Amino acid sequence: MAKETLAEEGDIPYKSNTDIQVAGMLIYYILSGGHHPFGLSYECEFNIYCGKYNLDHVQDVVAKDLIEWMINEEPKNRPKVEECLSHPFFWTNERRVEYLRRIGNREETANCRKADQEMICRLEKCAGDGSFKLWKNKFPPELVQKMDAKNKTYPENTLGLLRFIRNLHEHYVKDAATLDLMEMFPDLFGCVYTFAKSQGWNSETPLKEMFRREDISTRFERLSVNLEEHVGFPVQESQASDLK
């Protein structure tokens, strides 16, 4: 139950944001394999009331970002349904790659060889021991050689990788089409999204356009795919009539 439904008063202020918090708990329960973000049953209601939660049973930082937003103790700070469905957790891999390409087109990334050292350190700290360390080893050697020769050597840090991705899709479309970046670097998107959010980049053009609402039926199809990937069994998709 949502925090506001725990009030002792008779009139419980049910609103759409009440359902959002409960939905956030449900998403966490599914993705975590049966855990509740607010703890065990005997302490759950107290933790909900206090806004005390734990998301350690979900490793996907993008999923955690959405859940944390949805279960916020303040109803006014929770997302609307459209904002939930527009969240990057539901994005296709193609949309995630496009997001990385746009990040790679930012001035900070274009200047990756002479970037601010403090920003580089913050981004690398965010990256931790991510799958994209020594990222040049993940690409075909001939492609790296070709890219380095044309644009000078790319630094082997995260900014260098983002600029490499941008130029790859801009100048070597056929080569880019043969690569699955999300499979090569499974935690890259989550790291970059988290860092860009902390920098305020996601609210700036051209990134902010990517967070606008798309067709809701497409979002529910994406939701079913995401849950199947995490829990390993089919999730029934909502029919068009259910969305009216």
C-alpha atoms as a PDB file:
ATOM      1  CA  MET A   1       0.000   0.000   0.000  1.00  0.00           C
ATOM      2  CA  ALA A   2       1.076   3.583  -0.598  1.00  0.00           C
ATOM      3  CA  LYS A   3       2.208   5.830   2.267  1.00  0.00           C
ATOM      4  CA  GLU A   4      -0.850   8.081   2.156  1.00  0.00           C
ATOM      5  CA  THR A   5      -3.197   5.084   2.591  1.00  0.00           C
ATOM      6  CA  LEU A   6      -1.643   4.381   6.008  1.00  0.00           C
ATOM      7  CA  ALA A   7      -3.275   7.468   7.494  1.00  0.00           C
ATOM      8  CA  GLU A   8      -5.743   6.748  10.294  1.00  0.00           C
ATOM      9  CA  GLU A   9      -8.321   9.184   8.954  1.00  0.00           C
ATOM     10  CA  GLY A  10     -11.385   7.720   7.319  1.00  0.00           C
ATOM     11  CA  ASP A  11     -11.029   9.471   3.978  1.00  0.00           C
ATOM     12  CA  ILE A  12      -8.027   7.998   2.198  1.00  0.00           C
ATOM     13  CA  PRO A  13      -6.787  10.353  -0.547  1.00  0.00           C
ATOM     14  CA  TYR A  14      -6.533   7.859  -3.406  1.00  0.00           C
ATOM     15  CA  LYS A  15      -4.980   9.427  -6.490  1.00  0.00           C
ATOM     16  CA  SER A  16      -3.098   8.209  -9.546  1.00  0.00           C
ATOM     17  CA  ASN A  17       0.204   8.854  -7.765  1.00  0.00           C
ATOM     18  CA  THR A  18      -0.959   6.437  -5.064  1.00  0.00           C
ATOM     19  CA  ASP A  19      -1.111   3.703  -7.692  1.00  0.00           C
ATOM     20  CA  ILE A  20       2.296   4.780  -9.004  1.00  0.00           C
ATOM     21  CA  GLN A  21       3.974   4.041  -5.682  1.00  0.00           C
ATOM     22  CA  VAL A  22       2.328   0.622  -5.459  1.00  0.00           C
ATOM     23  CA  ALA A  23       3.298  -0.108  -9.075  1.00  0.00           C
ATOM     24  CA  GLY A  24       6.900   0.784  -8.229  1.00  0.00           C
ATOM     25  CA  MET A  25       6.844  -1.717  -5.387  1.00  0.00           C
ATOM     26  CA  LEU A  26       5.441  -4.345  -7.737  1.00  0.00           C
ATOM     27  CA  ILE A  27       8.120  -3.741 -10.369  1.00  0.00           C
ATOM     28  CA  TYR A  28      10.798  -4.122  -7.713  1.00  0.00           C
ATOM     29  CA  TYR A  29       9.155  -7.298  -6.411  1.00  0.00           C
ATOM     30  CA  ILE A  30       9.218  -8.834  -9.891  1.00  0.00           C
ATOM     31  CA  LEU A  31      12.726  -7.757 -10.866  1.00  0.00           C
ATOM     32  CA  SER A  32      14.211  -8.730  -7.491  1.00  0.00           C
ATOM     33  CA  GLY A  33      12.670 -12.184  -7.499  1.00  0.00           C
ATOM     34  CA  GLY A  34      10.228 -11.624  -4.655  1.00  0.00           C
ATOM     35  CA  HIS A  35      11.714  -8.917  -2.437  1.00  0.00           C
ATOM     36  CA  HIS A  36       9.908  -5.825  -1.191  1.00  0.00           C
ATOM     37  CA  PRO A  37      11.694  -2.444  -1.346  1.00  0.00           C
ATOM     38  CA  PHE A  38      10.382  -1.574   2.112  1.00  0.00           C
ATOM     39  CA  GLY A  39      11.455  -4.786   3.799  1.00  0.00           C
ATOM     40  CA  LEU A  40       9.793  -7.735   5.504  1.00  0.00           C
ATOM     41  CA  SER A  41       6.105  -7.814   6.350  1.00  0.00           C
ATOM     42  CA  TYR A  42       6.477  -6.965  10.044  1.00  0.00           C
ATOM     43  CA  GLU A  43       8.406  -3.739   9.275  1.00  0.00           C
ATOM     44  CA  CYS A  44       7.036  -2.915   5.838  1.00  0.00           C
ATOM     45  CA  GLU A  45       4.296  -0.443   6.772  1.00  0.00           C
ATOM     46  CA  PHE A  46       6.574   1.429   9.153  1.00  0.00           C
ATOM     47  CA  ASN A  47       9.268   1.729   6.473  1.00  0.00           C
ATOM     48  CA  ILE A  48       6.729   2.896   3.901  1.00  0.00           C
ATOM     49  CA  TYR A  49       5.558   5.589   6.296  1.00  0.00           C
ATOM     50  CA  CYS A  50       9.146   6.673   7.005  1.00  0.00           C
ATOM     51  CA  GLY A  51      10.231   6.470   3.356  1.00  0.00           C
ATOM     52  CA  LYS A  52      12.934   3.940   4.252  1.00  0.00           C
ATOM     53  CA  TYR A  53      13.665   1.509   1.406  1.00  0.00           C
ATOM     54  CA  ASN A  54      16.402  -0.761   0.074  1.00  0.00           C
ATOM     55  CA  LEU A  55      16.879  -1.560  -3.635  1.00  0.00           C
ATOM     56  CA  ASP A  56      19.969  -3.762  -3.305  1.00  0.00           C
ATOM     57  CA  HIS A  57      18.289  -6.820  -4.822  1.00  0.00           C
ATOM     58  CA  VAL A  58      18.108  -5.120  -8.244  1.00  0.00           C
ATOM     59  CA  GLN A  59      21.398  -4.435 -10.001  1.00  0.00           C
ATOM     60  CA  ASP A  60      20.074  -2.597 -13.062  1.00  0.00           C
ATOM     61  CA  VAL A  61      20.764   1.073 -12.267  1.00  0.00           C
ATOM     62  CA  VAL A  62      18.212   2.260 -14.833  1.00  0.00           C
ATOM     63  CA  ALA A  63      15.490   0.100 -13.283  1.00  0.00           C
ATOM     64  CA  LYS A  64      16.458   1.341  -9.821  1.00  0.00           C
ATOM     65  CA  ASP A  65      16.260   4.935 -11.048  1.00  0.00           C
ATOM     66  CA  LEU A  66      12.664   4.391 -12.172  1.00  0.00           C
ATOM     67  CA  ILE A  67      11.626   2.466  -9.051  1.00  0.00           C
ATOM     68  CA  GLU A  68      13.141   5.044  -6.713  1.00  0.00           C
ATOM     69  CA  TRP A  69      11.196   7.763  -8.508  1.00  0.00           C
ATOM     70  CA  MET A  70       7.941   5.806  -8.341  1.00  0.00           C
ATOM     71  CA  ILE A  71       8.135   4.915  -4.632  1.00  0.00           C
ATOM     72  CA  ASN A  72       9.018   8.418  -3.463  1.00  0.00           C
ATOM     73  CA  GLU A  73       7.337   9.092  -0.108  1.00  0.00           C
ATOM     74  CA  GLU A  74       5.992  12.415  -1.378  1.00  0.00           C
ATOM     75  CA  PRO A  75       3.087  11.800  -3.792  1.00  0.00           C
ATOM     76  CA  LYS A  76       3.773  15.061  -5.643  1.00  0.00           C
ATOM     77  CA  ASN A  77       7.319  13.925  -6.423  1.00  0.00           C
ATOM     78  CA  ARG A  78       6.267  10.675  -8.093  1.00  0.00           C
ATOM     79  CA  PRO A  79       6.113  10.470 -11.895  1.00  0.00           C
ATOM     80  CA  LYS A  80       2.934  10.474 -13.910  1.00  0.00           C
ATOM     81  CA  VAL A  81       2.011   7.382 -15.897  1.00  0.00           C
ATOM     82  CA  GLU A  82       3.311   8.948 -19.112  1.00  0.00           C
ATOM     83  CA  GLU A  83       6.626   9.750 -17.427  1.00  0.00           C
ATOM     84  CA  CYS A  84       6.964   6.170 -16.226  1.00  0.00           C
ATOM     85  CA  LEU A  85       6.350   4.830 -19.713  1.00  0.00           C
ATOM     86  CA  SER A  86       8.843   7.294 -21.186  1.00  0.00           C
ATOM     87  CA  HIS A  87      11.567   6.281 -18.754  1.00  0.00           C
ATOM     88  CA  PRO A  88      14.766   4.805 -20.293  1.00  0.00           C
ATOM     89  CA  PHE A  89      14.074   1.482 -18.559  1.00  0.00           C
ATOM     90  CA  PHE A  90      11.526   0.847 -21.303  1.00  0.00           C
ATOM     91  CA  TRP A  91      13.652   2.056 -24.205  1.00  0.00           C
ATOM     92  CA  THR A  92      14.636  -0.274 -27.015  1.00  0.00           C
ATOM     93  CA  ASN A  93      18.314  -0.979 -27.603  1.00  0.00           C
ATOM     94  CA  GLU A  94      18.157   1.171 -30.736  1.00  0.00           C
ATOM     95  CA  ARG A  95      16.917   4.128 -28.714  1.00  0.00           C
ATOM     96  CA  ARG A  96      19.610   3.587 -26.101  1.00  0.00           C
ATOM     97  CA  VAL A  97      22.296   3.615 -28.778  1.00  0.00           C
ATOM     98  CA  GLU A  98      20.828   6.831 -30.179  1.00  0.00           C
ATOM     99  CA  TYR A  99      21.044   8.329 -26.685  1.00  0.00           C
ATOM    100  CA  LEU A 100      24.729   7.369 -26.467  1.00  0.00           C
ATOM    101  CA  ARG A 101      25.314   8.845 -29.913  1.00  0.00           C
ATOM    102  CA  ARG A 102      23.781  12.151 -28.825  1.00  0.00           C
ATOM    103  CA  ILE A 103      25.902  12.167 -25.685  1.00  0.00           C
ATOM    104  CA  GLY A 104      28.895  11.586 -27.942  1.00  0.00           C
ATOM    105  CA  ASN A 105      27.939  14.679 -29.882  1.00  0.00           C
ATOM    106  CA  ARG A 106      28.065  16.983 -26.872  1.00  0.00           C
ATOM    107  CA  GLU A 107      30.845  19.543 -26.713  1.00  0.00           C
ATOM    108  CA  GLU A 108      32.315  17.895 -23.604  1.00  0.00           C
ATOM    109  CA  THR A 109      32.619  14.595 -25.455  1.00  0.00           C
ATOM    110  CA  ALA A 110      33.772  16.088 -28.747  1.00  0.00           C
ATOM    111  CA  ASN A 111      36.637  17.562 -26.760  1.00  0.00           C
ATOM    112  CA  CYS A 112      37.439  14.154 -25.223  1.00  0.00           C
ATOM    113  CA  ARG A 113      41.188  14.448 -25.868  1.00  0.00           C
ATOM    114  CA  LYS A 114      41.412  17.704 -23.910  1.00  0.00           C
ATOM    115  CA  ALA A 115      38.429  17.331 -21.627  1.00  0.00           C
ATOM    116  CA  ASP A 116      38.254  18.707 -18.121  1.00  0.00           C
ATOM    117  CA  GLN A 117      40.162  16.268 -15.933  1.00  0.00           C
ATOM    118  CA  GLU A 118      37.753  16.645 -13.031  1.00  0.00           C
ATOM    119  CA  MET A 119      34.823  15.637 -15.221  1.00  0.00           C
ATOM    120  CA  ILE A 120      36.767  12.673 -16.592  1.00  0.00           C
ATOM    121  CA  CYS A 121      37.467  11.514 -13.030  1.00  0.00           C
ATOM    122  CA  ARG A 122      33.794  11.819 -12.043  1.00  0.00           C
ATOM    123  CA  LEU A 123      32.691   9.837 -15.063  1.00  0.00           C
ATOM    124  CA  GLU A 124      35.312   7.135 -14.519  1.00  0.00           C
ATOM    125  CA  LYS A 125      34.277   6.866 -10.877  1.00  0.00           C
ATOM    126  CA  CYS A 126      30.703   6.364 -12.051  1.00  0.00           C
ATOM    127  CA  ALA A 127      31.907   3.734 -14.518  1.00  0.00           C
ATOM    128  CA  GLY A 128      33.712   1.742 -11.848  1.00  0.00           C
ATOM    129  CA  ASP A 129      34.824  -1.626 -13.209  1.00  0.00           C
ATOM    130  CA  GLY A 130      32.329  -1.522 -16.057  1.00  0.00           C
ATOM    131  CA  SER A 131      32.350  -3.736 -19.121  1.00  0.00           C
ATOM    132  CA  PHE A 132      33.817  -0.918 -21.193  1.00  0.00           C
ATOM    133  CA  LYS A 133      37.219  -0.733 -19.535  1.00  0.00           C
ATOM    134  CA  LEU A 134      39.849  -1.243 -22.258  1.00  0.00           C
ATOM    135  CA  TRP A 135      36.964  -0.758 -24.677  1.00  0.00           C
ATOM    136  CA  LYS A 136      39.126  -0.777 -27.803  1.00  0.00           C
ATOM    137  CA  ASN A 137      39.735  -4.492 -27.274  1.00  0.00           C
ATOM    138  CA  LYS A 138      36.012  -5.125 -27.823  1.00  0.00           C
ATOM    139  CA  PHE A 139      35.972  -3.694 -31.356  1.00  0.00           C
ATOM    140  CA  PRO A 140      37.521  -5.299 -34.473  1.00  0.00           C
ATOM    141  CA  PRO A 141      41.185  -4.163 -34.561  1.00  0.00           C
ATOM    142  CA  GLU A 142      40.931  -3.010 -38.167  1.00  0.00           C
ATOM    143  CA  LEU A 143      37.971  -0.760 -37.267  1.00  0.00           C
ATOM    144  CA  VAL A 144      39.820   0.824 -34.346  1.00  0.00           C
ATOM    145  CA  GLN A 145      42.854   1.362 -36.547  1.00  0.00           C
ATOM    146  CA  LYS A 146      40.724   2.978 -39.228  1.00  0.00           C
ATOM    147  CA  MET A 147      38.945   5.252 -36.738  1.00  0.00           C
ATOM    148  CA  ASP A 148      42.148   6.224 -34.914  1.00  0.00           C
ATOM    149  CA  ALA A 149      43.912   7.029 -38.167  1.00  0.00           C
ATOM    150  CA  LYS A 150      41.195   9.423 -39.339  1.00  0.00           C
ATOM    151  CA  ASN A 151      40.419  11.231 -36.084  1.00  0.00           C
ATOM    152  CA  LYS A 152      43.652  10.795 -34.113  1.00  0.00           C
ATOM    153  CA  THR A 153      43.832   8.278 -31.299  1.00  0.00           C
ATOM    154  CA  TYR A 154      40.766   8.117 -29.055  1.00  0.00           C
ATOM    155  CA  PRO A 155      41.536   8.127 -25.330  1.00  0.00           C
ATOM    156  CA  GLU A 156      40.731   4.798 -23.694  1.00  0.00           C
ATOM    157  CA  ASN A 157      38.305   6.288 -21.208  1.00  0.00           C
ATOM    158  CA  THR A 158      34.514   6.547 -21.238  1.00  0.00           C
ATOM    159  CA  LEU A 159      34.452   9.917 -23.011  1.00  0.00           C
ATOM    160  CA  GLY A 160      36.694   8.460 -25.720  1.00  0.00           C
ATOM    161  CA  LEU A 161      34.318   5.533 -26.165  1.00  0.00           C
ATOM    162  CA  LEU A 162      31.292   7.837 -26.434  1.00  0.00           C
ATOM    163  CA  ARG A 163      32.992   9.952 -29.090  1.00  0.00           C
ATOM    164  CA  PHE A 164      34.061   6.796 -30.886  1.00  0.00           C
ATOM    165  CA  ILE A 165      30.431   5.597 -30.929  1.00  0.00           C
ATOM    166  CA  ARG A 166      29.247   8.951 -32.251  1.00  0.00           C
ATOM    167  CA  ASN A 167      31.784   9.032 -35.084  1.00  0.00           C
ATOM    168  CA  LEU A 168      31.256   5.368 -35.877  1.00  0.00           C
ATOM    169  CA  HIS A 169      27.538   5.918 -36.485  1.00  0.00           C
ATOM    170  CA  GLU A 170      28.149   9.208 -38.253  1.00  0.00           C
ATOM    171  CA  HIS A 171      30.887   8.147 -40.663  1.00  0.00           C
ATOM    172  CA  TYR A 172      30.895   4.334 -40.807  1.00  0.00           C
ATOM    173  CA  VAL A 173      27.232   3.374 -40.876  1.00  0.00           C
ATOM    174  CA  LYS A 174      27.794  -0.081 -42.373  1.00  0.00           C
ATOM    175  CA  ASP A 175      30.387  -0.955 -39.758  1.00  0.00           C
ATOM    176  CA  ALA A 176      28.105   0.333 -37.001  1.00  0.00           C
ATOM    177  CA  ALA A 177      25.251  -1.855 -38.255  1.00  0.00           C
ATOM    178  CA  THR A 178      27.313  -4.997 -37.689  1.00  0.00           C
ATOM    179  CA  LEU A 179      27.884  -4.263 -33.990  1.00  0.00           C
ATOM    180  CA  ASP A 180      25.599  -4.774 -30.998  1.00  0.00           C
ATOM    181  CA  LEU A 181      26.802  -2.141 -28.554  1.00  0.00           C
ATOM    182  CA  MET A 182      24.371  -3.151 -25.831  1.00  0.00           C
ATOM    183  CA  GLU A 183      25.733  -6.688 -25.902  1.00  0.00           C
ATOM    184  CA  MET A 184      29.340  -5.512 -26.090  1.00  0.00           C
ATOM    185  CA  PHE A 185      28.928  -3.042 -23.225  1.00  0.00           C
ATOM    186  CA  PRO A 186      25.881  -4.132 -21.172  1.00  0.00           C
ATOM    187  CA  ASP A 187      26.380  -1.583 -18.397  1.00  0.00           C
ATOM    188  CA  LEU A 188      27.481   1.391 -20.507  1.00  0.00           C
ATOM    189  CA  PHE A 189      24.034   2.899 -20.982  1.00  0.00           C
ATOM    190  CA  GLY A 190      23.191   2.776 -17.281  1.00  0.00           C
ATOM    191  CA  CYS A 191      26.473   4.428 -16.353  1.00  0.00           C
ATOM    192  CA  VAL A 192      26.166   7.193 -18.940  1.00  0.00           C
ATOM    193  CA  TYR A 193      22.487   7.823 -18.204  1.00  0.00           C
ATOM    194  CA  THR A 194      23.194   8.128 -14.477  1.00  0.00           C
ATOM    195  CA  PHE A 195      26.124  10.473 -15.043  1.00  0.00           C
ATOM    196  CA  ALA A 196      24.258  12.621 -17.584  1.00  0.00           C
ATOM    197  CA  LYS A 197      21.338  12.935 -15.170  1.00  0.00           C
ATOM    198  CA  SER A 198      23.666  14.124 -12.411  1.00  0.00           C
ATOM    199  CA  GLN A 199      25.092  16.715 -14.810  1.00  0.00           C
ATOM    200  CA  GLY A 200      21.676  17.964 -15.904  1.00  0.00           C
ATOM    201  CA  TRP A 201      22.327  16.964 -19.514  1.00  0.00           C
ATOM    202  CA  ASN A 202      19.077  15.010 -19.853  1.00  0.00           C
ATOM    203  CA  SER A 203      17.043  18.198 -19.515  1.00  0.00           C
ATOM    204  CA  GLU A 204      18.933  19.910 -22.332  1.00  0.00           C
ATOM    205  CA  THR A 205      18.452  19.721 -26.097  1.00  0.00           C
ATOM    206  CA  PRO A 206      18.799  17.337 -27.892  1.00  0.00           C
ATOM    207  CA  LEU A 207      18.587  14.767 -25.079  1.00  0.00           C
ATOM    208  CA  LYS A 208      15.366  16.036 -23.511  1.00  0.00           C
ATOM    209  CA  GLU A 209      13.421  15.221 -26.687  1.00  0.00           C
ATOM    210  CA  MET A 210      14.144  11.548 -26.084  1.00  0.00           C
ATOM    211  CA  PHE A 211      12.135  11.569 -22.849  1.00  0.00           C
ATOM    212  CA  ARG A 212       8.874  12.615 -24.454  1.00  0.00           C
ATOM    213  CA  ARG A 213       5.935  10.267 -24.445  1.00  0.00           C
ATOM    214  CA  GLU A 214       5.584   7.739 -27.247  1.00  0.00           C
ATOM    215  CA  ASP A 215       2.663   5.475 -28.104  1.00  0.00           C
ATOM    216  CA  ILE A 216       1.492   3.843 -24.872  1.00  0.00           C
ATOM    217  CA  SER A 217       0.801   0.444 -26.467  1.00  0.00           C
ATOM    218  CA  THR A 218       4.435   0.300 -27.598  1.00  0.00           C
ATOM    219  CA  ARG A 219       5.537   1.036 -24.035  1.00  0.00           C
ATOM    220  CA  PHE A 220       3.505  -1.839 -22.619  1.00  0.00           C
ATOM    221  CA  GLU A 221       5.008  -4.203 -25.182  1.00  0.00           C
ATOM    222  CA  ARG A 222       8.449  -3.042 -24.075  1.00  0.00           C
ATOM    223  CA  LEU A 223       7.479  -3.564 -20.420  1.00  0.00           C
ATOM    224  CA  SER A 224       6.567  -7.193 -21.049  1.00  0.00           C
ATOM    225  CA  VAL A 225       9.887  -7.786 -22.820  1.00  0.00           C
ATOM    226  CA  ASN A 226      11.864  -6.204 -19.963  1.00  0.00           C
ATOM    227  CA  LEU A 227      10.156  -8.287 -17.322  1.00  0.00           C
ATOM    228  CA  GLU A 228      10.659 -11.482 -19.309  1.00  0.00           C
ATOM    229  CA  GLU A 229      14.368 -10.681 -19.589  1.00  0.00           C
ATOM    230  CA  HIS A 230      14.669 -10.185 -15.832  1.00  0.00           C
ATOM    231  CA  VAL A 231      12.452 -12.951 -14.424  1.00  0.00           C
ATOM    232  CA  GLY A 232      12.699 -15.556 -17.169  1.00  0.00           C
ATOM    233  CA  PHE A 233       9.016 -16.251 -17.826  1.00  0.00           C
ATOM    234  CA  PRO A 234       6.423 -14.719 -20.171  1.00  0.00           C
ATOM    235  CA  VAL A 235       4.458 -11.706 -18.977  1.00  0.00           C
ATOM    236  CA  GLN A 236       0.987 -11.218 -20.388  1.00  0.00           C
ATOM    237  CA  GLU A 237       0.790  -8.110 -22.535  1.00  0.00           C
ATOM    238  CA  SER A 238      -2.005  -5.601 -22.053  1.00  0.00           C
ATOM    239  CA  GLN A 239      -4.507  -5.447 -24.865  1.00  0.00           C
ATOM    240  CA  ALA A 240      -5.414  -2.163 -26.511  1.00  0.00           C
ATOM    241  CA  SER A 241      -8.834  -2.235 -24.839  1.00  0.00           C
ATOM    242  CA  ASP A 242      -7.163  -2.384 -21.412  1.00  0.00           C
ATOM    243  CA  LEU A 243      -5.442   0.918 -22.009  1.00  0.00           C
ATOM    244  CA  LYS A 244      -8.525   3.003 -22.571  1.00  0.00           C
END
